[in-house]
Amino acid sequence: MKKWNSFELKADKFKPEHLGQLNFYLEALDRDVKKPNENPSIGVLLCKDKDSEVVEYALSRSLSPTMVSEYKTQLPDKKILQQKLHELFENEADEK
């Protein structure tokens, strides 16, 4: 089954309204784009900084599967990126 994803990249720290905006996009995808046989859309919110407690409060009543994470302005080592990409493809193949 196909899944639609929405990615948001914020240049500032996490704010609860970012989650509201992402949930708006997810609802639009699920209502207007997703087919009945497809899984619900998934949201990924990447912020420059996050307060885990604030994120937990913001996500506690959310019905959409959403992830919030920090991003770094410096890339990790190339070998780590290659390993993670390989793991991602392995996991995706296992799901099929």
PDB file of N, CA and C in Angstrom:
ATOM      1  N   MET A   1       0.835  -1.191   0.000  1.00  0.00           N
ATOM      2  CA  MET A   1       0.000   0.000   0.000  1.00  0.00           C
ATOM      3  C   MET A   1       0.873   1.245   0.000  1.00  0.00           C
ATOM      4  N   LYS A   2       0.447   2.211  -0.741  1.00  0.00           N
ATOM      5  CA  LYS A   2       1.201   3.446  -0.863  1.00  0.00           C
ATOM      6  C   LYS A   2       0.932   4.369   0.326  1.00  0.00           C
ATOM      7  N   LYS A   3       1.975   5.124   0.719  1.00  0.00           N
ATOM      8  CA  LYS A   3       1.844   6.129   1.771  1.00  0.00           C
ATOM      9  C   LYS A   3       2.285   7.458   1.194  1.00  0.00           C
ATOM     10  N   TRP A   4       1.571   8.511   1.550  1.00  0.00           N
ATOM     11  CA  TRP A   4       1.983   9.857   1.181  1.00  0.00           C
ATOM     12  C   TRP A   4       2.721  10.442   2.367  1.00  0.00           C
ATOM     13  N   ASN A   5       3.756  11.228   2.101  1.00  0.00           N
ATOM     14  CA  ASN A   5       4.550  11.833   3.161  1.00  0.00           C
ATOM     15  C   ASN A   5       4.588  13.334   2.974  1.00  0.00           C
ATOM     16  N   SER A   6       4.604  14.036   4.094  1.00  0.00           N
ATOM     17  CA  SER A   6       4.769  15.480   4.067  1.00  0.00           C
ATOM     18  C   SER A   6       5.973  15.823   4.932  1.00  0.00           C
ATOM     19  N   PHE A   7       6.938  16.528   4.362  1.00  0.00           N
ATOM     20  CA  PHE A   7       8.132  16.926   5.081  1.00  0.00           C
ATOM     21  C   PHE A   7       8.134  18.433   5.254  1.00  0.00           C
ATOM     22  N   GLU A   8       8.434  18.876   6.461  1.00  0.00           N
ATOM     23  CA  GLU A   8       8.544  20.302   6.762  1.00  0.00           C
ATOM     24  C   GLU A   8       9.916  20.545   7.366  1.00  0.00           C
ATOM     25  N   LEU A   9      10.628  21.532   6.897  1.00  0.00           N
ATOM     26  CA  LEU A   9      11.923  21.908   7.427  1.00  0.00           C
ATOM     27  C   LEU A   9      11.792  23.326   7.968  1.00  0.00           C
ATOM     28  N   LYS A  10      12.026  23.487   9.266  1.00  0.00           N
ATOM     29  CA  LYS A  10      11.912  24.800   9.910  1.00  0.00           C
ATOM     30  C   LYS A  10      13.297  25.282  10.316  1.00  0.00           C
ATOM     31  N   ALA A  11      13.604  26.526  10.032  1.00  0.00           N
ATOM     32  CA  ALA A  11      14.911  27.094  10.347  1.00  0.00           C
ATOM     33  C   ALA A  11      14.986  27.598  11.782  1.00  0.00           C
ATOM     34  N   ASP A  12      13.921  27.426  12.550  1.00  0.00           N
ATOM     35  CA  ASP A  12      13.939  27.859  13.942  1.00  0.00           C
ATOM     36  C   ASP A  12      13.569  26.682  14.841  1.00  0.00           C
ATOM     37  N   LYS A  13      13.417  26.948  16.127  1.00  0.00           N
ATOM     38  CA  LYS A  13      13.084  25.863  17.044  1.00  0.00           C
ATOM     39  C   LYS A  13      11.620  25.464  16.905  1.00  0.00           C
ATOM     40  N   PHE A  14      11.292  24.271  17.386  1.00  0.00           N
ATOM     41  CA  PHE A  14       9.942  23.738  17.284  1.00  0.00           C
ATOM     42  C   PHE A  14       8.945  24.641  17.996  1.00  0.00           C
ATOM     43  N   LYS A  15       7.823  24.877  17.325  1.00  0.00           N
ATOM     44  CA  LYS A  15       6.690  25.593  17.915  1.00  0.00           C
ATOM     45  C   LYS A  15       5.456  24.740  17.661  1.00  0.00           C
ATOM     46  N   PRO A  16       4.530  24.664  18.607  1.00  0.00           N
ATOM     47  CA  PRO A  16       3.329  23.850  18.407  1.00  0.00           C
ATOM     48  C   PRO A  16       2.561  24.196  17.129  1.00  0.00           C
ATOM     49  N   GLU A  17       2.600  25.455  16.712  1.00  0.00           N
ATOM     50  CA  GLU A  17       1.883  25.820  15.487  1.00  0.00           C
ATOM     51  C   GLU A  17       2.474  25.163  14.241  1.00  0.00           C
ATOM     52  N   HIS A  18       3.768  24.780  14.288  1.00  0.00           N
ATOM     53  CA  HIS A  18       4.353  24.039  13.175  1.00  0.00           C
ATOM     54  C   HIS A  18       3.615  22.712  12.984  1.00  0.00           C
ATOM     55  N   LEU A  19       3.277  22.077  14.079  1.00  0.00           N
ATOM     56  CA  LEU A  19       2.556  20.813  14.016  1.00  0.00           C
ATOM     57  C   LEU A  19       1.155  21.012  13.445  1.00  0.00           C
ATOM     58  N   GLY A  20       0.516  22.114  13.817  1.00  0.00           N
ATOM     59  CA  GLY A  20      -0.807  22.417  13.264  1.00  0.00           C
ATOM     60  C   GLY A  20      -0.757  22.595  11.758  1.00  0.00           C
ATOM     61  N   GLN A  21       0.263  23.279  11.282  1.00  0.00           N
ATOM     62  CA  GLN A  21       0.420  23.484   9.846  1.00  0.00           C
ATOM     63  C   GLN A  21       0.652  22.143   9.140  1.00  0.00           C
ATOM     64  N   LEU A  22       1.515  21.305   9.710  1.00  0.00           N
ATOM     65  CA  LEU A  22       1.791  20.007   9.113  1.00  0.00           C
ATOM     66  C   LEU A  22       0.541  19.131   9.105  1.00  0.00           C
ATOM     67  N   ASN A  23      -0.224  19.145  10.180  1.00  0.00           N
ATOM     68  CA  ASN A  23      -1.462  18.367  10.225  1.00  0.00           C
ATOM     69  C   ASN A  23      -2.467  18.853   9.179  1.00  0.00           C
ATOM     70  N   PHE A  24      -2.470  20.150   8.903  1.00  0.00           N
ATOM     71  CA  PHE A  24      -3.316  20.694   7.839  1.00  0.00           C
ATOM     72  C   PHE A  24      -2.941  20.066   6.494  1.00  0.00           C
ATOM     73  N   TYR A  25      -1.628  20.008   6.211  1.00  0.00           N
ATOM     74  CA  TYR A  25      -1.166  19.410   4.955  1.00  0.00           C
ATOM     75  C   TYR A  25      -1.520  17.925   4.889  1.00  0.00           C
ATOM     76  N   LEU A  26      -1.343  17.218   6.015  1.00  0.00           N
ATOM     77  CA  LEU A  26      -1.654  15.784   6.043  1.00  0.00           C
ATOM     78  C   LEU A  26      -3.139  15.541   5.788  1.00  0.00           C
ATOM     79  N   GLU A  27      -3.977  16.364   6.393  1.00  0.00           N
ATOM     80  CA  GLU A  27      -5.425  16.231   6.186  1.00  0.00           C
ATOM     81  C   GLU A  27      -5.779  16.473   4.723  1.00  0.00           C
ATOM     82  N   ALA A  28      -5.155  17.485   4.112  1.00  0.00           N
ATOM     83  CA  ALA A  28      -5.413  17.763   2.696  1.00  0.00           C
ATOM     84  C   ALA A  28      -4.982  16.588   1.823  1.00  0.00           C
ATOM     85  N   LEU A  29      -3.817  16.020   2.114  1.00  0.00           N
ATOM     86  CA  LEU A  29      -3.360  14.847   1.361  1.00  0.00           C
ATOM     87  C   LEU A  29      -4.341  13.687   1.502  1.00  0.00           C
ATOM     88  N   ASP A  30      -4.735  13.401   2.751  1.00  0.00           N
ATOM     89  CA  ASP A  30      -5.616  12.259   2.992  1.00  0.00           C
ATOM     90  C   ASP A  30      -7.002  12.466   2.384  1.00  0.00           C
ATOM     91  N   ARG A  31      -7.474  13.679   2.411  1.00  0.00           N
ATOM     92  CA  ARG A  31      -8.825  13.942   1.915  1.00  0.00           C
ATOM     93  C   ARG A  31      -8.877  14.066   0.389  1.00  0.00           C
ATOM     94  N   ASP A  32      -7.859  14.698  -0.212  1.00  0.00           N
ATOM     95  CA  ASP A  32      -7.940  15.031  -1.627  1.00  0.00           C
ATOM     96  C   ASP A  32      -7.045  14.210  -2.554  1.00  0.00           C
ATOM     97  N   VAL A  33      -6.013  13.557  -2.014  1.00  0.00           N
ATOM     98  CA  VAL A  33      -5.058  12.859  -2.865  1.00  0.00           C
ATOM     99  C   VAL A  33      -5.058  11.350  -2.625  1.00  0.00           C
ATOM    100  N   LYS A  34      -5.074  10.959  -1.367  1.00  0.00           N
ATOM    101  CA  LYS A  34      -4.985   9.544  -0.998  1.00  0.00           C
ATOM    102  C   LYS A  34      -6.194   8.768  -1.506  1.00  0.00           C
ATOM    103  N   LYS A  35      -5.920   7.579  -1.998  1.00  0.00           N
ATOM    104  CA  LYS A  35      -6.993   6.692  -2.443  1.00  0.00           C
ATOM    105  C   LYS A  35      -7.478   5.845  -1.258  1.00  0.00           C
ATOM    106  N   PRO A  36      -8.700   5.339  -1.294  1.00  0.00           N
ATOM    107  CA  PRO A  36      -9.242   4.581  -0.159  1.00  0.00           C
ATOM    108  C   PRO A  36      -8.401   3.370   0.253  1.00  0.00           C
ATOM    109  N   ASN A  37      -7.690   2.757  -0.679  1.00  0.00           N
ATOM    110  CA  ASN A  37      -6.899   1.578  -0.342  1.00  0.00           C
ATOM    111  C   ASN A  37      -5.489   1.914   0.145  1.00  0.00           C
ATOM    112  N   GLU A  38      -5.140   3.191   0.235  1.00  0.00           N
ATOM    113  CA  GLU A  38      -3.806   3.607   0.669  1.00  0.00           C
ATOM    114  C   GLU A  38      -3.786   3.912   2.162  1.00  0.00           C
ATOM    115  N   ASN A  39      -2.603   3.778   2.747  1.00  0.00           N
ATOM    116  CA  ASN A  39      -2.411   4.074   4.167  1.00  0.00           C
ATOM    117  C   ASN A  39      -2.510   5.574   4.423  1.00  0.00           C
ATOM    118  N   PRO A  40      -2.798   5.970   5.679  1.00  0.00           N
ATOM    119  CA  PRO A  40      -2.815   7.404   6.019  1.00  0.00           C
ATOM    120  C   PRO A  40      -1.449   8.048   5.774  1.00  0.00           C
ATOM    121  N   SER A  41      -1.460   9.330   5.483  1.00  0.00           N
ATOM    122  CA  SER A  41      -0.226  10.074   5.239  1.00  0.00           C
ATOM    123  C   SER A  41       0.595  10.173   6.513  1.00  0.00           C
ATOM    124  N   ILE A  42       1.891  10.353   6.337  1.00  0.00           N
ATOM    125  CA  ILE A  42       2.824  10.469   7.457  1.00  0.00           C
ATOM    126  C   ILE A  42       3.514  11.820   7.363  1.00  0.00           C
ATOM    127  N   GLY A  43       3.655  12.497   8.502  1.00  0.00           N
ATOM    128  CA  GLY A  43       4.328  13.791   8.532  1.00  0.00           C
ATOM    129  C   GLY A  43       5.669  13.707   9.226  1.00  0.00           C
ATOM    130  N   VAL A  44       6.653  14.400   8.686  1.00  0.00           N
ATOM    131  CA  VAL A  44       7.971  14.500   9.294  1.00  0.00           C
ATOM    132  C   VAL A  44       8.294  15.989   9.414  1.00  0.00           C
ATOM    133  N   LEU A  45       8.533  16.432  10.629  1.00  0.00           N
ATOM    134  CA  LEU A  45       8.845  17.828  10.904  1.00  0.00           C
ATOM    135  C   LEU A  45      10.277  17.912  11.415  1.00  0.00           C
ATOM    136  N   LEU A  46      11.140  18.593  10.679  1.00  0.00           N
ATOM    137  CA  LEU A  46      12.537  18.772  11.065  1.00  0.00           C
ATOM    138  C   LEU A  46      12.736  20.215  11.509  1.00  0.00           C
ATOM    139  N   CYS A  47      13.208  20.388  12.730  1.00  0.00           N
ATOM    140  CA  CYS A  47      13.428  21.726  13.288  1.00  0.00           C
ATOM    141  C   CYS A  47      14.887  21.883  13.685  1.00  0.00           C
ATOM    142  N   LYS A  48      15.334  23.134  13.693  1.00  0.00           N
ATOM    143  CA  LYS A  48      16.709  23.416  14.083  1.00  0.00           C
ATOM    144  C   LYS A  48      16.952  23.020  15.537  1.00  0.00           C
ATOM    145  N   ASP A  49      15.939  23.127  16.360  1.00  0.00           N
ATOM    146  CA  ASP A  49      16.061  22.807  17.784  1.00  0.00           C
ATOM    147  C   ASP A  49      14.695  22.365  18.278  1.00  0.00           C
ATOM    148  N   LYS A  50      14.679  21.561  19.329  1.00  0.00           N
ATOM    149  CA  LYS A  50      13.399  21.137  19.892  1.00  0.00           C
ATOM    150  C   LYS A  50      13.528  20.951  21.387  1.00  0.00           C
ATOM    151  N   ASP A  51      12.431  21.182  22.071  1.00  0.00           N
ATOM    152  CA  ASP A  51      12.298  20.890  23.490  1.00  0.00           C
ATOM    153  C   ASP A  51      11.405  19.653  23.550  1.00  0.00           C
ATOM    154  N   SER A  52      11.967  18.525  23.940  1.00  0.00           N
ATOM    155  CA  SER A  52      11.236  17.253  23.881  1.00  0.00           C
ATOM    156  C   SER A  52       9.921  17.291  24.637  1.00  0.00           C
ATOM    157  N   GLU A  53       9.885  17.993  25.763  1.00  0.00           N
ATOM    158  CA  GLU A  53       8.648  18.065  26.537  1.00  0.00           C
ATOM    159  C   GLU A  53       7.561  18.829  25.776  1.00  0.00           C
ATOM    160  N   VAL A  54       7.931  19.924  25.126  1.00  0.00           N
ATOM    161  CA  VAL A  54       6.967  20.700  24.333  1.00  0.00           C
ATOM    162  C   VAL A  54       6.470  19.854  23.169  1.00  0.00           C
ATOM    163  N   VAL A  55       7.363  19.133  22.516  1.00  0.00           N
ATOM    164  CA  VAL A  55       6.975  18.258  21.405  1.00  0.00           C
ATOM    165  C   VAL A  55       6.004  17.193  21.897  1.00  0.00           C
ATOM    166  N   GLU A  56       6.302  16.589  23.046  1.00  0.00           N
ATOM    167  CA  GLU A  56       5.430  15.544  23.596  1.00  0.00           C
ATOM    168  C   GLU A  56       4.030  16.094  23.861  1.00  0.00           C
ATOM    169  N   TYR A  57       3.939  17.262  24.460  1.00  0.00           N
ATOM    170  CA  TYR A  57       2.624  17.872  24.692  1.00  0.00           C
ATOM    171  C   TYR A  57       1.902  18.133  23.369  1.00  0.00           C
ATOM    172  N   ALA A  58       2.640  18.661  22.393  1.00  0.00           N
ATOM    173  CA  ALA A  58       2.025  19.009  21.106  1.00  0.00           C
ATOM    174  C   ALA A  58       1.529  17.771  20.360  1.00  0.00           C
ATOM    175  N   LEU A  59       2.221  16.647  20.519  1.00  0.00           N
ATOM    176  CA  LEU A  59       1.853  15.428  19.795  1.00  0.00           C
ATOM    177  C   LEU A  59       0.863  14.537  20.539  1.00  0.00           C
ATOM    178  N   SER A  60       0.632  14.796  21.813  1.00  0.00           N
ATOM    179  CA  SER A  60      -0.126  13.850  22.637  1.00  0.00           C
ATOM    180  C   SER A  60      -1.539  13.587  22.133  1.00  0.00           C
ATOM    181  N   ARG A  61      -2.184  14.541  21.506  1.00  0.00           N
ATOM    182  CA  ARG A  61      -3.557  14.329  21.009  1.00  0.00           C
ATOM    183  C   ARG A  61      -3.633  14.252  19.492  1.00  0.00           C
ATOM    184  N   SER A  62      -2.499  14.247  18.852  1.00  0.00           N
ATOM    185  CA  SER A  62      -2.480  14.210  17.388  1.00  0.00           C
ATOM    186  C   SER A  62      -2.897  12.837  16.888  1.00  0.00           C
ATOM    187  N   LEU A  63      -3.789  12.822  15.909  1.00  0.00           N
ATOM    188  CA  LEU A  63      -4.262  11.570  15.332  1.00  0.00           C
ATOM    189  C   LEU A  63      -3.424  11.140  14.141  1.00  0.00           C
ATOM    190  N   SER A  64      -2.734  12.077  13.499  1.00  0.00           N
ATOM    191  CA  SER A  64      -1.910  11.752  12.344  1.00  0.00           C
ATOM    192  C   SER A  64      -0.554  11.239  12.803  1.00  0.00           C
ATOM    193  N   PRO A  65      -0.033  10.207  12.122  1.00  0.00           N
ATOM    194  CA  PRO A  65       1.316   9.764  12.468  1.00  0.00           C
ATOM    195  C   PRO A  65       2.313  10.843  12.053  1.00  0.00           C
ATOM    196  N   THR A  66       2.960  11.450  13.040  1.00  0.00           N
ATOM    197  CA  THR A  66       3.874  12.556  12.784  1.00  0.00           C
ATOM    198  C   THR A  66       5.129  12.368  13.612  1.00  0.00           C
ATOM    199  N   MET A  67       6.272  12.718  13.041  1.00  0.00           N
ATOM    200  CA  MET A  67       7.539  12.648  13.752  1.00  0.00           C
ATOM    201  C   MET A  67       8.150  14.041  13.768  1.00  0.00           C
ATOM    202  N   VAL A  68       8.767  14.383  14.897  1.00  0.00           N
ATOM    203  CA  VAL A  68       9.458  15.658  15.020  1.00  0.00           C
ATOM    204  C   VAL A  68      10.889  15.356  15.414  1.00  0.00           C
ATOM    205  N   SER A  69      11.824  15.943  14.705  1.00  0.00           N
ATOM    206  CA  SER A  69      13.226  15.702  15.013  1.00  0.00           C
ATOM    207  C   SER A  69      14.033  16.963  14.760  1.00  0.00           C
ATOM    208  N   GLU A  70      15.220  16.975  15.329  1.00  0.00           N
ATOM    209  CA  GLU A  70      16.148  18.073  15.095  1.00  0.00           C
ATOM    210  C   GLU A  70      17.002  17.754  13.874  1.00  0.00           C
ATOM    211  N   TYR A  71      17.497  18.763  13.239  1.00  0.00           N
ATOM    212  CA  TYR A  71      18.472  18.539  12.180  1.00  0.00           C
ATOM    213  C   TYR A  71      19.739  19.304  12.525  1.00  0.00           C
ATOM    214  N   LYS A  72      20.827  18.862  11.979  1.00  0.00           N
ATOM    215  CA  LYS A  72      22.122  19.501  12.198  1.00  0.00           C
ATOM    216  C   LYS A  72      22.509  20.254  10.927  1.00  0.00           C
ATOM    217  N   THR A  73      23.213  21.344  11.099  1.00  0.00           N
ATOM    218  CA  THR A  73      23.624  22.120   9.934  1.00  0.00           C
ATOM    219  C   THR A  73      24.903  21.552   9.318  1.00  0.00           C
ATOM    220  N   GLN A  74      25.456  20.506   9.914  1.00  0.00           N
ATOM    221  CA  GLN A  74      26.649  19.859   9.407  1.00  0.00           C
ATOM    222  C   GLN A  74      26.290  18.413   9.084  1.00  0.00           C
ATOM    223  N   LEU A  75      26.694  17.938   7.938  1.00  0.00           N
ATOM    224  CA  LEU A  75      26.390  16.565   7.556  1.00  0.00           C
ATOM    225  C   LEU A  75      27.268  15.577   8.321  1.00  0.00           C
ATOM    226  N   PRO A  76      26.695  14.397   8.644  1.00  0.00           N
ATOM    227  CA  PRO A  76      27.523  13.365   9.267  1.00  0.00           C
ATOM    228  C   PRO A  76      28.498  12.783   8.240  1.00  0.00           C
ATOM    229  N   ASP A  77      29.385  11.942   8.712  1.00  0.00           N
ATOM    230  CA  ASP A  77      30.368  11.287   7.874  1.00  0.00           C
ATOM    231  C   ASP A  77      29.694  10.540   6.716  1.00  0.00           C
ATOM    232  N   LYS A  78      30.331  10.550   5.562  1.00  0.00           N
ATOM    233  CA  LYS A  78      29.779   9.927   4.356  1.00  0.00           C
ATOM    234  C   LYS A  78      29.472   8.437   4.574  1.00  0.00           C
ATOM    235  N   LYS A  79      30.328   7.726   5.300  1.00  0.00           N
ATOM    236  CA  LYS A  79      30.113   6.291   5.541  1.00  0.00           C
ATOM    237  C   LYS A  79      28.847   6.055   6.368  1.00  0.00           C
ATOM    238  N   ILE A  80      28.578   6.920   7.324  1.00  0.00           N
ATOM    239  CA  ILE A  80      27.363   6.790   8.138  1.00  0.00           C
ATOM    240  C   ILE A  80      26.130   7.022   7.266  1.00  0.00           C
ATOM    241  N   LEU A  81      26.188   8.039   6.396  1.00  0.00           N
ATOM    242  CA  LEU A  81      25.068   8.296   5.493  1.00  0.00           C
ATOM    243  C   LEU A  81      24.808   7.103   4.572  1.00  0.00           C
ATOM    244  N   GLN A  82      25.872   6.524   4.040  1.00  0.00           N
ATOM    245  CA  GLN A  82      25.719   5.359   3.169  1.00  0.00           C
ATOM    246  C   GLN A  82      25.097   4.186   3.922  1.00  0.00           C
ATOM    247  N   GLN A  83      25.542   3.971   5.164  1.00  0.00           N
ATOM    248  CA  GLN A  83      25.008   2.882   5.978  1.00  0.00           C
ATOM    249  C   GLN A  83      23.524   3.094   6.260  1.00  0.00           C
ATOM    250  N   LYS A  84      23.144   4.307   6.623  1.00  0.00           N
ATOM    251  CA  LYS A  84      21.737   4.605   6.924  1.00  0.00           C
ATOM    252  C   LYS A  84      20.863   4.452   5.679  1.00  0.00           C
ATOM    253  N   LEU A  85      21.370   4.891   4.540  1.00  0.00           N
ATOM    254  CA  LEU A  85      20.626   4.742   3.294  1.00  0.00           C
ATOM    255  C   LEU A  85      20.429   3.262   2.964  1.00  0.00           C
ATOM    256  N   HIS A  86      21.480   2.468   3.162  1.00  0.00           N
ATOM    257  CA  HIS A  86      21.388   1.029   2.936  1.00  0.00           C
ATOM    258  C   HIS A  86      20.337   0.409   3.868  1.00  0.00           C
ATOM    259  N   GLU A  87      20.347   0.792   5.152  1.00  0.00           N
ATOM    260  CA  GLU A  87      19.362   0.282   6.116  1.00  0.00           C
ATOM    261  C   GLU A  87      17.944   0.667   5.706  1.00  0.00           C
ATOM    262  N   LEU A  88      17.772   1.886   5.224  1.00  0.00           N
ATOM    263  CA  LEU A  88      16.458   2.352   4.785  1.00  0.00           C
ATOM    264  C   LEU A  88      15.922   1.482   3.653  1.00  0.00           C
ATOM    265  N   PHE A  89      16.774   1.196   2.656  1.00  0.00           N
ATOM    266  CA  PHE A  89      16.344   0.368   1.534  1.00  0.00           C
ATOM    267  C   PHE A  89      16.068  -1.067   1.973  1.00  0.00           C
ATOM    268  N   GLU A  90      16.857  -1.579   2.917  1.00  0.00           N
ATOM    269  CA  GLU A  90      16.604  -2.924   3.441  1.00  0.00           C
ATOM    270  C   GLU A  90      15.253  -2.989   4.138  1.00  0.00           C
ATOM    271  N   ASN A  91      14.953  -2.000   4.971  1.00  0.00           N
ATOM    272  CA  ASN A  91      13.681  -1.953   5.689  1.00  0.00           C
ATOM    273  C   ASN A  91      12.512  -1.832   4.724  1.00  0.00           C
ATOM    274  N   GLU A  92      12.684  -1.025   3.687  1.00  0.00           N
ATOM    275  CA  GLU A  92      11.636  -0.844   2.702  1.00  0.00           C
ATOM    276  C   GLU A  92      11.367  -2.151   1.945  1.00  0.00           C
ATOM    277  N   ALA A  93      12.432  -2.888   1.630  1.00  0.00           N
ATOM    278  CA  ALA A  93      12.284  -4.170   0.931  1.00  0.00           C
ATOM    279  C   ALA A  93      11.598  -5.200   1.828  1.00  0.00           C
ATOM    280  N   ASP A  94      11.890  -5.159   3.142  1.00  0.00           N
ATOM    281  CA  ASP A  94      11.268  -6.079   4.089  1.00  0.00           C
ATOM    282  C   ASP A  94       9.773  -5.833   4.219  1.00  0.00           C
ATOM    283  N   GLU A  95       9.341  -4.572   4.068  1.00  0.00           N
ATOM    284  CA  GLU A  95       7.928  -4.226   4.204  1.00  0.00           C
ATOM    285  C   GLU A  95       7.109  -4.685   3.011  1.00  0.00           C
ATOM    286  N   LYS A  96       7.743  -4.913   1.873  1.00  0.00           N
ATOM    287  CA  LYS A  96       6.999  -5.289   0.660  1.00  0.00           C
ATOM    288  C   LYS A  96       6.692  -6.753   0.624  1.00  0.00           C
TER     289      LYS A  96
END
